[in-house]
Amino acid sequence: MPPRRPNKPTLVDREAAQAKNQLIAKVGVTSVMIIFFIIWMFVLKYEFSVSTRSSRTNSGFDLNQVRSELDKTMQKVKEGIAEIKAIQQNSQSATSSRAADLTPEQLDLLKGKLLDGMASGTETINN
């Protein structure tokens, strides 16, 4: 008979130890999750109680002041839009008057320069 090794763990012993370690890990993770959840609930409860207390004391919301500030802001926006429209009309009238002053030869020359510039621009992009 061959001599037995009494200290060598068997397959059943290793599986039992592994199952025990998995159980310990699952219980540990679950307990940590429960602790975090309980702490989160207390913090959330405290946060809601603080926000309701502060909303009761901060009820000095002045609707009339907000309306007046909004009216001022909208007036400034309207003035800005009116300025933009005036500038656009001035620039359109200026460009149309300049275009009317050009002769057909000058227009042909400008078209040629524009086409040459566009052709050279596409050549540099393609290369």
Protein backbone atom coordinates (compact mmCIF):
# COMPACT_ATOMS: atom_id res chain seq x y z
CA MET A 1 0.00 0.00 0.00
CA PRO A 2 1.26 3.45 -0.87
CA PRO A 3 1.63 5.86 2.01
CA ARG A 4 -1.20 8.35 2.41
CA ARG A 5 -0.68 12.04 2.59
CA PRO A 6 -2.95 13.24 5.34
CA ASN A 7 -2.42 16.98 4.68
CA LYS A 8 -3.48 17.03 1.03
CA PRO A 9 -6.98 18.55 0.70
CA THR A 10 -9.41 16.64 -1.41
CA LEU A 11 -11.57 18.02 -4.17
CA VAL A 12 -14.62 18.09 -1.88
CA ASP A 13 -12.73 20.10 0.75
CA ARG A 14 -11.60 22.68 -1.85
CA GLU A 15 -15.14 23.08 -3.22
CA ALA A 16 -16.54 23.50 0.29
CA ALA A 17 -13.93 26.15 1.10
CA GLN A 18 -14.65 27.95 -2.17
CA ALA A 19 -18.40 27.89 -1.51
CA LYS A 20 -17.79 29.23 2.01
CA ASN A 21 -15.63 32.07 0.63
CA GLN A 22 -18.28 32.94 -1.96
CA LEU A 23 -20.96 33.03 0.74
CA ILE A 24 -18.81 35.31 2.90
CA ALA A 25 -18.19 37.61 -0.09
CA LYS A 26 -21.89 37.79 -0.97
CA VAL A 27 -22.89 38.50 2.62
CA GLY A 28 -20.17 41.16 2.93
CA VAL A 29 -21.11 42.94 -0.28
CA THR A 30 -24.81 42.82 0.58
CA SER A 31 -24.23 44.22 4.05
CA VAL A 32 -22.08 47.08 2.69
CA MET A 33 -24.80 47.87 0.14
CA ILE A 34 -27.46 47.92 2.87
CA ILE A 35 -25.32 50.21 5.03
CA PHE A 36 -24.81 52.64 2.13
CA PHE A 37 -28.53 52.58 1.36
CA ILE A 38 -29.47 53.35 4.97
CA ILE A 39 -26.96 56.20 5.16
CA TRP A 40 -28.25 57.56 1.84
CA MET A 41 -31.85 57.47 3.11
CA PHE A 42 -30.92 59.43 6.25
CA VAL A 43 -29.00 62.01 4.23
CA LEU A 44 -31.89 62.34 1.80
CA LYS A 45 -34.37 62.77 4.64
CA TYR A 46 -32.17 65.43 6.20
CA GLU A 47 -31.79 67.22 2.84
CA PHE A 48 -35.55 67.40 2.32
CA SER A 49 -36.14 68.69 5.83
CA VAL A 50 -33.50 71.41 5.37
CA SER A 51 -34.87 72.46 1.98
CA THR A 52 -38.45 72.71 3.27
CA ARG A 53 -37.30 74.82 6.23
CA SER A 54 -35.32 77.15 3.99
CA SER A 55 -38.21 77.49 1.53
CA ARG A 56 -40.52 78.52 4.36
CA THR A 57 -38.14 81.21 5.56
CA ASN A 58 -37.19 82.36 2.03
CA SER A 59 -40.69 83.18 0.90
CA GLY A 60 -39.70 86.78 0.13
CA PHE A 61 -39.96 86.19 -3.61
CA ASP A 62 -41.03 89.45 -5.21
CA LEU A 63 -42.93 88.75 -8.39
CA ASN A 64 -43.23 92.44 -9.28
CA GLN A 65 -39.46 92.90 -9.16
CA VAL A 66 -38.97 89.90 -11.44
CA ARG A 67 -41.54 91.26 -13.89
CA SER A 68 -39.89 94.69 -13.99
CA GLU A 69 -36.46 93.14 -14.58
CA LEU A 70 -37.89 90.96 -17.32
CA ASP A 71 -39.54 93.98 -18.94
CA LYS A 72 -36.25 95.89 -18.89
CA THR A 73 -34.43 92.94 -20.41
CA MET A 74 -37.01 92.50 -23.16
CA GLN A 75 -36.83 96.24 -23.94
CA LYS A 76 -33.06 96.00 -24.34
CA VAL A 77 -33.47 92.98 -26.62
CA LYS A 78 -35.99 94.87 -28.78
CA GLU A 79 -33.64 97.86 -29.02
CA GLY A 80 -30.80 95.56 -30.06
CA ILE A 81 -32.94 93.93 -32.75
CA ALA A 82 -33.97 97.37 -34.05
CA GLU A 83 -30.29 98.39 -34.25
CA ILE A 84 -29.42 95.22 -36.14
CA LYS A 85 -32.23 95.80 -38.63
CA ALA A 86 -31.11 99.41 -39.17
CA ILE A 87 -27.53 98.30 -39.79
CA GLN A 88 -28.70 95.62 -42.23
CA GLN A 89 -30.84 98.10 -44.14
CA ASN A 90 -27.97 100.60 -44.30
CA SER A 91 -25.53 97.97 -45.54
CA GLN A 92 -27.99 96.70 -48.16
CA SER A 93 -28.66 100.18 -49.47
CA ALA A 94 -24.93 100.97 -49.51
CA THR A 95 -24.08 97.82 -51.45
CA SER A 96 -26.93 98.31 -53.90
CA SER A 97 -25.89 101.91 -54.60
CA ARG A 98 -22.27 100.84 -55.15
CA ALA A 99 -23.34 98.06 -57.49
CA ALA A 100 -25.40 100.50 -59.54
CA ASP A 101 -22.33 102.71 -60.00
CA LEU A 102 -20.25 99.95 -61.62
CA THR A 103 -19.95 99.70 -65.37
CA PRO A 104 -20.45 96.39 -67.21
CA GLU A 105 -16.69 96.18 -67.86
CA GLN A 106 -15.94 96.55 -64.16
CA LEU A 107 -18.54 93.89 -63.35
CA ASP A 108 -16.95 91.48 -65.85
CA LEU A 109 -13.52 92.16 -64.34
CA LEU A 110 -14.83 91.49 -60.83
CA LYS A 111 -16.52 88.26 -62.00
CA GLY A 112 -13.26 87.10 -63.56
CA LYS A 113 -11.30 87.80 -60.37
CA LEU A 114 -13.91 85.99 -58.34
CA LEU A 115 -13.86 82.94 -60.60
CA ASP A 116 -10.04 82.89 -60.60
CA GLY A 117 -10.00 83.09 -56.83
CA MET A 118 -12.52 80.27 -56.55
CA ALA A 119 -10.55 78.10 -58.99
CA SER A 120 -7.28 78.64 -57.14
CA GLY A 121 -9.02 77.95 -53.84
CA THR A 122 -10.33 74.61 -55.07
CA GLU A 123 -6.91 73.72 -56.47
CA THR A 124 -5.27 74.23 -53.09
CA ILE A 125 -7.96 72.15 -51.43
CA ASN A 126 -7.57 69.31 -53.95
CA ASN A 127 -3.78 69.30 -53.60
